[in-house]
């Protein structure tokens, strides 16, 4: 998962019935991102109560974004950086956090997720620089699926 927040619907059998989607469960940051939570929450309620069907398995597979080799390597670099940080090896950890970010520059889990570990404010200047980079790259994210209209 590269974006946060990420919503994934998983049914009782443990199957993904709606792939990763950048949705919001509250309106806390609506002014920032412009996306209201009400349509998403209504869709979840409709699915849970049986008023809306989940996506077919073929639809789910066609809409999932699988990690590229670079993204997989970035995640390994991030895991190594986190381990090194926990061992008190800050300089080594920083090198691997940097490498992870270069390998997967639009992975919010890596880039923003490492900020508090590295002593950076995840809502501070570094975040807004990251956000500008992401916007300049065309705001890459998961394909947003249409949501059911609330009854």
N, C-alpha and C. Protein backbone atom coordinates (compact mmCIF):
# COMPACT_ATOMS: atom_id res chain seq x y z
N UNK A 1 0.85 -1.17 0.00
CA UNK A 1 0.00 0.00 0.00
C UNK A 1 0.89 1.23 0.00
N UNK A 2 0.63 2.10 -0.94
CA UNK A 2 1.50 3.27 -1.09
C UNK A 2 0.84 4.58 -0.67
N UNK A 3 -0.45 4.58 -0.54
CA UNK A 3 -1.12 5.82 -0.17
C UNK A 3 -1.76 5.69 1.20
N UNK A 4 -1.81 6.78 1.90
CA UNK A 4 -2.53 6.82 3.17
C UNK A 4 -3.43 8.04 3.12
N UNK A 5 -4.63 7.95 3.56
CA UNK A 5 -5.23 6.71 4.03
C UNK A 5 -5.58 5.80 2.85
N UNK A 6 -5.62 4.55 3.13
CA UNK A 6 -6.01 3.54 2.15
C UNK A 6 -7.14 2.73 2.73
N UNK A 7 -8.16 2.54 1.95
CA UNK A 7 -9.28 1.73 2.37
C UNK A 7 -9.33 0.50 1.47
N UNK A 8 -9.44 -0.66 2.08
CA UNK A 8 -9.57 -1.93 1.38
C UNK A 8 -10.74 -2.66 2.02
N UNK A 9 -11.63 -3.18 1.21
CA UNK A 9 -12.74 -3.96 1.75
C UNK A 9 -12.38 -5.43 1.69
N UNK A 10 -12.49 -6.09 2.83
CA UNK A 10 -12.19 -7.52 2.93
C UNK A 10 -13.42 -8.19 3.52
N UNK A 11 -13.89 -9.23 2.84
CA UNK A 11 -15.11 -9.89 3.31
C UNK A 11 -14.83 -10.91 4.40
N UNK A 12 -15.88 -11.57 4.84
CA UNK A 12 -15.78 -12.52 5.95
C UNK A 12 -14.87 -13.70 5.64
N UNK A 13 -14.70 -14.01 4.36
CA UNK A 13 -13.84 -15.13 3.95
C UNK A 13 -12.39 -14.69 3.79
N UNK A 14 -12.11 -13.40 4.04
CA UNK A 14 -10.75 -12.89 3.91
C UNK A 14 -10.38 -12.49 2.50
N UNK A 15 -11.36 -12.36 1.62
CA UNK A 15 -11.10 -11.98 0.23
C UNK A 15 -11.25 -10.46 0.06
N UNK A 16 -10.36 -9.88 -0.72
CA UNK A 16 -10.47 -8.46 -1.05
C UNK A 16 -11.62 -8.32 -2.03
N UNK A 17 -12.62 -7.51 -1.66
CA UNK A 17 -13.79 -7.32 -2.51
C UNK A 17 -13.88 -5.89 -3.04
N UNK A 18 -12.96 -5.07 -2.65
CA UNK A 18 -12.81 -3.71 -3.20
C UNK A 18 -11.35 -3.34 -2.97
N UNK A 19 -10.61 -3.10 -4.05
CA UNK A 19 -9.16 -2.88 -3.90
C UNK A 19 -8.82 -1.54 -3.25
N UNK A 20 -7.54 -1.37 -2.99
CA UNK A 20 -7.03 -0.15 -2.37
C UNK A 20 -7.64 1.07 -3.03
N UNK A 21 -8.06 1.99 -2.20
CA UNK A 21 -8.67 3.23 -2.68
C UNK A 21 -8.37 4.31 -1.65
N UNK A 22 -8.00 5.47 -2.11
CA UNK A 22 -7.72 6.58 -1.20
C UNK A 22 -9.05 7.22 -0.81
N UNK A 23 -9.58 6.78 0.31
CA UNK A 23 -10.84 7.28 0.83
C UNK A 23 -10.62 7.74 2.26
N UNK A 24 -11.63 8.39 2.81
CA UNK A 24 -11.50 8.96 4.14
C UNK A 24 -12.70 8.59 4.99
N UNK A 25 -12.43 8.23 6.23
CA UNK A 25 -13.48 7.86 7.17
C UNK A 25 -14.01 9.03 7.98
N UNK A 26 -13.34 10.18 7.87
CA UNK A 26 -13.79 11.40 8.54
C UNK A 26 -13.56 12.58 7.60
N UNK A 27 -14.08 13.72 7.99
CA UNK A 27 -13.89 14.94 7.20
C UNK A 27 -12.83 15.85 7.81
N UNK A 28 -11.99 15.32 8.66
CA UNK A 28 -10.98 16.12 9.35
C UNK A 28 -10.13 16.96 8.40
N UNK A 29 -9.70 16.36 7.28
CA UNK A 29 -8.81 17.06 6.36
C UNK A 29 -9.46 17.38 5.02
N UNK A 30 -10.78 17.43 4.98
CA UNK A 30 -11.48 17.70 3.72
C UNK A 30 -11.04 19.01 3.10
N UNK A 31 -10.81 20.01 3.91
CA UNK A 31 -10.39 21.31 3.38
C UNK A 31 -9.06 21.17 2.63
N UNK A 32 -8.23 20.25 3.06
CA UNK A 32 -6.92 20.05 2.45
C UNK A 32 -7.04 19.26 1.14
N UNK A 33 -7.75 18.11 1.17
CA UNK A 33 -7.78 17.23 0.01
C UNK A 33 -9.07 17.30 -0.80
N UNK A 34 -10.10 17.91 -0.25
CA UNK A 34 -11.34 18.12 -1.00
C UNK A 34 -12.26 16.92 -1.12
N UNK A 35 -11.99 15.85 -0.40
CA UNK A 35 -12.79 14.63 -0.53
C UNK A 35 -13.60 14.39 0.75
N UNK A 36 -14.91 14.37 0.62
CA UNK A 36 -15.78 14.15 1.77
C UNK A 36 -15.91 12.66 2.07
N UNK A 37 -16.11 12.34 3.34
CA UNK A 37 -16.22 10.95 3.77
C UNK A 37 -17.61 10.35 3.56
N UNK A 38 -18.65 11.17 3.48
CA UNK A 38 -20.03 10.67 3.44
C UNK A 38 -20.27 9.66 2.31
N UNK A 39 -19.84 9.91 1.07
CA UNK A 39 -20.10 8.91 0.03
C UNK A 39 -19.41 7.57 0.32
N UNK A 40 -18.20 7.62 0.83
CA UNK A 40 -17.49 6.38 1.16
C UNK A 40 -18.19 5.63 2.29
N UNK A 41 -18.54 6.35 3.35
CA UNK A 41 -19.20 5.72 4.48
C UNK A 41 -20.56 5.14 4.08
N UNK A 42 -21.28 5.83 3.21
CA UNK A 42 -22.57 5.32 2.73
C UNK A 42 -22.36 4.04 1.93
N UNK A 43 -21.31 3.99 1.13
CA UNK A 43 -21.02 2.79 0.34
C UNK A 43 -20.66 1.62 1.24
N UNK A 44 -19.87 1.88 2.28
CA UNK A 44 -19.53 0.81 3.23
C UNK A 44 -20.79 0.29 3.89
N UNK A 45 -21.65 1.20 4.35
CA UNK A 45 -22.90 0.77 5.00
C UNK A 45 -23.76 -0.06 4.04
N UNK A 46 -23.85 0.38 2.79
CA UNK A 46 -24.65 -0.35 1.80
C UNK A 46 -24.08 -1.74 1.56
N UNK A 47 -22.77 -1.86 1.52
CA UNK A 47 -22.15 -3.17 1.33
C UNK A 47 -22.38 -4.07 2.54
N UNK A 48 -22.15 -3.53 3.73
CA UNK A 48 -22.30 -4.32 4.96
C UNK A 48 -23.74 -4.79 5.14
N UNK A 49 -24.70 -3.97 4.77
CA UNK A 49 -26.11 -4.33 4.96
C UNK A 49 -26.69 -5.11 3.77
N UNK A 50 -25.86 -5.36 2.76
CA UNK A 50 -26.31 -6.15 1.62
C UNK A 50 -27.05 -5.38 0.56
N UNK A 51 -27.07 -4.05 0.65
CA UNK A 51 -27.77 -3.23 -0.35
C UNK A 51 -26.89 -2.97 -1.58
N UNK A 52 -25.61 -3.25 -1.45
CA UNK A 52 -24.67 -3.07 -2.57
C UNK A 52 -23.77 -4.29 -2.61
N UNK A 53 -23.56 -4.81 -3.81
CA UNK A 53 -22.68 -5.94 -3.98
C UNK A 53 -21.23 -5.49 -4.03
N UNK A 54 -20.35 -6.37 -3.62
CA UNK A 54 -18.93 -6.10 -3.74
C UNK A 54 -18.54 -6.25 -5.21
N UNK A 55 -17.34 -5.81 -5.54
CA UNK A 55 -16.86 -5.97 -6.90
C UNK A 55 -16.58 -7.45 -7.17
N UNK A 56 -16.74 -7.84 -8.40
CA UNK A 56 -16.44 -9.21 -8.81
C UNK A 56 -14.93 -9.44 -8.71
N UNK A 57 -14.51 -10.68 -8.43
CA UNK A 57 -13.06 -10.95 -8.31
C UNK A 57 -12.24 -10.45 -9.50
N UNK A 58 -12.77 -10.60 -10.71
CA UNK A 58 -12.02 -10.13 -11.89
C UNK A 58 -11.86 -8.61 -11.87
N UNK A 59 -12.89 -7.89 -11.41
CA UNK A 59 -12.79 -6.43 -11.30
C UNK A 59 -11.74 -6.05 -10.26
N UNK A 60 -11.75 -6.74 -9.13
CA UNK A 60 -10.77 -6.45 -8.08
C UNK A 60 -9.37 -6.64 -8.62
N UNK A 61 -9.11 -7.78 -9.27
CA UNK A 61 -7.76 -8.06 -9.81
C UNK A 61 -7.36 -7.02 -10.85
N UNK A 62 -8.28 -6.63 -11.70
CA UNK A 62 -7.93 -5.68 -12.76
C UNK A 62 -7.63 -4.29 -12.22
N UNK A 63 -8.10 -3.99 -11.01
CA UNK A 63 -7.92 -2.66 -10.46
C UNK A 63 -6.85 -2.58 -9.37
N UNK A 64 -6.28 -3.71 -9.01
CA UNK A 64 -5.23 -3.69 -8.00
C UNK A 64 -3.93 -3.23 -8.63
N UNK A 65 -3.21 -2.40 -7.91
CA UNK A 65 -1.88 -1.98 -8.35
C UNK A 65 -0.86 -2.81 -7.59
N UNK A 66 -0.20 -3.69 -8.31
CA UNK A 66 0.82 -4.52 -7.68
C UNK A 66 2.13 -3.75 -7.63
N UNK A 67 2.94 -3.99 -6.60
CA UNK A 67 4.20 -3.23 -6.49
C UNK A 67 5.19 -3.62 -7.59
N UNK A 68 5.87 -2.61 -8.07
CA UNK A 68 6.93 -2.82 -9.06
C UNK A 68 8.16 -3.38 -8.34
N UNK A 69 9.13 -3.90 -9.08
CA UNK A 69 10.37 -4.34 -8.43
C UNK A 69 11.03 -3.22 -7.61
N UNK A 70 11.00 -1.98 -8.12
CA UNK A 70 11.58 -0.86 -7.39
C UNK A 70 10.83 -0.60 -6.09
N UNK A 71 9.50 -0.69 -6.13
CA UNK A 71 8.71 -0.49 -4.92
C UNK A 71 8.97 -1.61 -3.90
N UNK A 72 9.14 -2.82 -4.38
CA UNK A 72 9.45 -3.92 -3.48
C UNK A 72 10.80 -3.72 -2.81
N UNK A 73 11.79 -3.28 -3.61
CA UNK A 73 13.11 -3.00 -3.05
C UNK A 73 13.04 -1.83 -2.07
N UNK A 74 12.24 -0.83 -2.39
CA UNK A 74 12.07 0.32 -1.49
C UNK A 74 11.51 -0.14 -0.15
N UNK A 75 10.57 -1.06 -0.17
CA UNK A 75 9.99 -1.55 1.08
C UNK A 75 11.01 -2.33 1.90
N UNK A 76 11.88 -3.07 1.19
CA UNK A 76 12.95 -3.78 1.91
C UNK A 76 13.92 -2.78 2.52
N UNK A 77 14.24 -1.72 1.79
CA UNK A 77 15.13 -0.67 2.31
C UNK A 77 14.50 0.01 3.53
N UNK A 78 13.20 0.27 3.45
CA UNK A 78 12.49 0.88 4.57
C UNK A 78 12.56 -0.02 5.80
N UNK A 79 12.30 -1.31 5.60
CA UNK A 79 12.35 -2.26 6.73
C UNK A 79 13.74 -2.31 7.34
N UNK A 80 14.76 -2.29 6.50
CA UNK A 80 16.13 -2.30 7.01
C UNK A 80 16.42 -1.00 7.76
N UNK A 81 15.97 0.12 7.22
CA UNK A 81 16.18 1.41 7.88
C UNK A 81 15.52 1.42 9.26
N UNK A 82 14.30 0.92 9.33
CA UNK A 82 13.58 0.88 10.61
C UNK A 82 14.33 0.00 11.60
N UNK A 83 14.83 -1.15 11.15
CA UNK A 83 15.60 -2.03 12.02
C UNK A 83 16.86 -1.32 12.52
N UNK A 84 17.59 -0.69 11.61
CA UNK A 84 18.81 0.01 12.00
C UNK A 84 18.50 1.14 12.98
N UNK A 85 17.43 1.85 12.75
CA UNK A 85 17.01 2.92 13.67
C UNK A 85 16.76 2.35 15.07
N UNK A 86 16.08 1.23 15.13
CA UNK A 86 15.78 0.61 16.43
C UNK A 86 17.06 0.15 17.13
N UNK A 87 18.11 -0.11 16.36
CA UNK A 87 19.38 -0.53 16.94
C UNK A 87 20.27 0.66 17.31
N UNK A 88 19.75 1.88 17.08
CA UNK A 88 20.51 3.08 17.40
C UNK A 88 21.53 3.46 16.35
N UNK A 89 21.45 2.88 15.18
CA UNK A 89 22.40 3.16 14.10
C UNK A 89 21.78 4.18 13.14
N UNK A 90 21.68 5.40 13.64
CA UNK A 90 20.94 6.47 12.95
C UNK A 90 21.49 6.81 11.57
N UNK A 91 22.80 6.93 11.43
CA UNK A 91 23.38 7.31 10.14
C UNK A 91 23.10 6.24 9.09
N UNK A 92 23.26 4.98 9.46
CA UNK A 92 22.98 3.89 8.53
C UNK A 92 21.49 3.86 8.19
N UNK A 93 20.65 4.05 9.21
CA UNK A 93 19.21 4.07 8.98
C UNK A 93 18.84 5.17 8.00
N UNK A 94 19.40 6.34 8.19
CA UNK A 94 19.07 7.48 7.32
C UNK A 94 19.41 7.19 5.86
N UNK A 95 20.54 6.55 5.62
CA UNK A 95 20.92 6.19 4.24
C UNK A 95 19.86 5.29 3.61
N UNK A 96 19.35 4.34 4.38
CA UNK A 96 18.36 3.41 3.83
C UNK A 96 16.98 4.06 3.70
N UNK A 97 16.62 4.97 4.62
CA UNK A 97 15.38 5.72 4.44
C UNK A 97 15.45 6.55 3.16
N UNK A 98 16.59 7.20 2.93
CA UNK A 98 16.78 8.00 1.71
C UNK A 98 16.67 7.13 0.47
N UNK A 99 17.35 5.99 0.49
CA UNK A 99 17.31 5.09 -0.67
C UNK A 99 15.87 4.60 -0.92
N UNK A 100 15.15 4.25 0.13
CA UNK A 100 13.76 3.81 -0.03
C UNK A 100 12.92 4.90 -0.70
N UNK A 101 13.11 6.14 -0.27
CA UNK A 101 12.36 7.25 -0.84
C UNK A 101 12.71 7.51 -2.29
N UNK A 102 13.96 7.30 -2.66
CA UNK A 102 14.36 7.49 -4.06
C UNK A 102 13.82 6.38 -4.95
N UNK A 103 13.78 5.16 -4.43
CA UNK A 103 13.27 4.03 -5.20
C UNK A 103 11.76 4.12 -5.42
N UNK A 104 11.05 4.67 -4.46
CA UNK A 104 9.59 4.77 -4.56
C UNK A 104 9.16 6.15 -4.07
N UNK A 105 9.40 7.18 -4.89
CA UNK A 105 9.20 8.56 -4.44
C UNK A 105 7.77 8.95 -4.10
N UNK A 106 6.79 8.20 -4.57
CA UNK A 106 5.39 8.57 -4.30
C UNK A 106 4.71 7.60 -3.34
N UNK A 107 5.52 6.86 -2.61
CA UNK A 107 5.00 5.92 -1.62
C UNK A 107 4.88 6.65 -0.30
N UNK A 108 3.66 7.01 0.06
CA UNK A 108 3.42 7.78 1.29
C UNK A 108 3.77 6.97 2.53
N UNK A 109 3.59 5.66 2.47
CA UNK A 109 3.91 4.83 3.61
C UNK A 109 5.40 4.92 3.92
N UNK A 110 6.20 4.97 2.89
CA UNK A 110 7.65 5.09 3.07
C UNK A 110 8.04 6.52 3.37
N UNK A 111 7.66 7.44 2.51
CA UNK A 111 8.14 8.82 2.63
C UNK A 111 7.59 9.52 3.86
N UNK A 112 6.27 9.54 3.99
CA UNK A 112 5.67 10.23 5.14
C UNK A 112 5.77 9.38 6.39
N UNK A 113 5.64 8.07 6.22
CA UNK A 113 5.71 7.17 7.36
C UNK A 113 7.05 7.21 8.07
N UNK A 114 8.11 7.56 7.35
CA UNK A 114 9.43 7.62 7.98
C UNK A 114 9.67 8.95 8.69
N UNK A 115 8.86 9.94 8.43
CA UNK A 115 9.11 11.27 9.01
C UNK A 115 9.17 11.27 10.54
N UNK A 116 8.16 10.74 11.24
CA UNK A 116 8.27 10.78 12.71
C UNK A 116 9.43 9.93 13.24
N UNK A 117 9.75 8.84 12.56
CA UNK A 117 10.87 8.00 12.97
C UNK A 117 12.17 8.79 12.87
N UNK A 118 12.25 9.65 11.87
CA UNK A 118 13.46 10.43 11.60
C UNK A 118 13.46 11.78 12.30
N UNK A 119 12.47 12.01 13.17
CA UNK A 119 12.42 13.26 13.90
C UNK A 119 11.83 14.42 13.13
N UNK A 120 11.10 14.12 12.05
CA UNK A 120 10.48 15.16 11.23
C UNK A 120 8.99 15.19 11.53
N UNK A 121 8.40 16.35 11.41
CA UNK A 121 6.98 16.52 11.66
C UNK A 121 6.20 16.05 10.43
N UNK A 122 5.36 15.00 10.55
CA UNK A 122 4.62 14.51 9.39
C UNK A 122 3.55 15.47 8.88
N UNK A 123 3.34 16.58 9.59
CA UNK A 123 2.45 17.64 9.10
C UNK A 123 3.21 18.96 8.99
N UNK A 124 4.53 18.88 8.99
CA UNK A 124 5.36 20.07 8.91
C UNK A 124 5.85 20.36 7.50
N UNK A 125 6.87 21.19 7.38
CA UNK A 125 7.37 21.62 6.07
C UNK A 125 7.78 20.47 5.16
N UNK A 126 8.37 19.42 5.72
CA UNK A 126 8.78 18.28 4.89
C UNK A 126 7.57 17.62 4.24
N UNK A 127 6.47 17.53 4.99
CA UNK A 127 5.26 16.96 4.43
C UNK A 127 4.77 17.79 3.26
N UNK A 128 4.73 19.11 3.41
CA UNK A 128 4.21 19.95 2.34
C UNK A 128 5.11 19.93 1.11
N UNK A 129 6.42 19.76 1.31
CA UNK A 129 7.32 19.58 0.17
C UNK A 129 7.01 18.27 -0.54
N UNK A 130 6.79 17.21 0.23
CA UNK A 130 6.43 15.91 -0.33
C UNK A 130 5.11 16.03 -1.10
N UNK A 131 4.17 16.73 -0.53
CA UNK A 131 2.86 16.90 -1.17
C UNK A 131 3.01 17.64 -2.51
N UNK A 132 3.86 18.68 -2.54
CA UNK A 132 4.10 19.41 -3.79
C UNK A 132 4.73 18.51 -4.85
N UNK A 133 5.69 17.69 -4.45
CA UNK A 133 6.32 16.73 -5.37
C UNK A 133 5.27 15.79 -5.95
N UNK A 134 4.41 15.29 -5.06
CA UNK A 134 3.37 14.35 -5.46
C UNK A 134 2.40 15.01 -6.45
N UNK A 135 2.01 16.24 -6.16
CA UNK A 135 1.11 16.96 -7.08
C UNK A 135 1.80 17.20 -8.43
N UNK A 136 3.07 17.59 -8.41
CA UNK A 136 3.81 17.85 -9.64
C UNK A 136 3.92 16.59 -10.50
N UNK A 137 3.89 15.43 -9.85
CA UNK A 137 3.96 14.15 -10.57
C UNK A 137 2.59 13.70 -11.06
N UNK A 138 1.57 14.52 -10.85
CA UNK A 138 0.23 14.18 -11.30
C UNK A 138 -0.62 13.49 -10.26
N UNK A 139 -0.23 13.58 -8.99
CA UNK A 139 -0.97 12.99 -7.87
C UNK A 139 -1.23 11.49 -8.07
N UNK A 140 -0.16 10.72 -8.30
CA UNK A 140 -0.36 9.29 -8.55
C UNK A 140 -0.95 8.59 -7.32
N UNK A 141 -1.97 7.83 -7.55
CA UNK A 141 -2.66 7.12 -6.47
C UNK A 141 -3.37 5.92 -7.05
N UNK A 142 -4.14 5.26 -6.24
CA UNK A 142 -4.94 4.14 -6.71
C UNK A 142 -6.07 4.66 -7.58
N UNK A 143 -6.53 3.85 -8.53
CA UNK A 143 -7.72 4.28 -9.27
C UNK A 143 -8.90 4.33 -8.31
N UNK A 144 -9.61 5.44 -8.31
CA UNK A 144 -10.77 5.58 -7.42
C UNK A 144 -11.97 4.92 -8.06
N UNK A 145 -12.60 4.04 -7.30
CA UNK A 145 -13.77 3.33 -7.79
C UNK A 145 -15.02 4.15 -7.50
N UNK A 146 -15.99 4.09 -8.41
CA UNK A 146 -17.24 4.80 -8.12
C UNK A 146 -17.89 4.24 -6.87
N UNK A 147 -18.47 5.11 -6.11
CA UNK A 147 -19.17 4.70 -4.88
C UNK A 147 -20.68 4.75 -5.12
N UNK A 148 -21.38 3.86 -4.46
CA UNK A 148 -22.84 3.84 -4.57
C UNK A 148 -23.40 5.13 -3.99
N UNK A 149 -24.45 5.59 -4.55
CA UNK A 149 -25.13 6.79 -4.02
C UNK A 149 -25.91 6.36 -2.78
N UNK A 150 -25.85 7.19 -1.72
CA UNK A 150 -26.62 6.85 -0.52
C UNK A 150 -28.11 6.85 -0.81
N UNK A 151 -28.83 5.91 -0.16
CA UNK A 151 -30.30 5.84 -0.33
C UNK A 151 -30.97 7.00 0.35
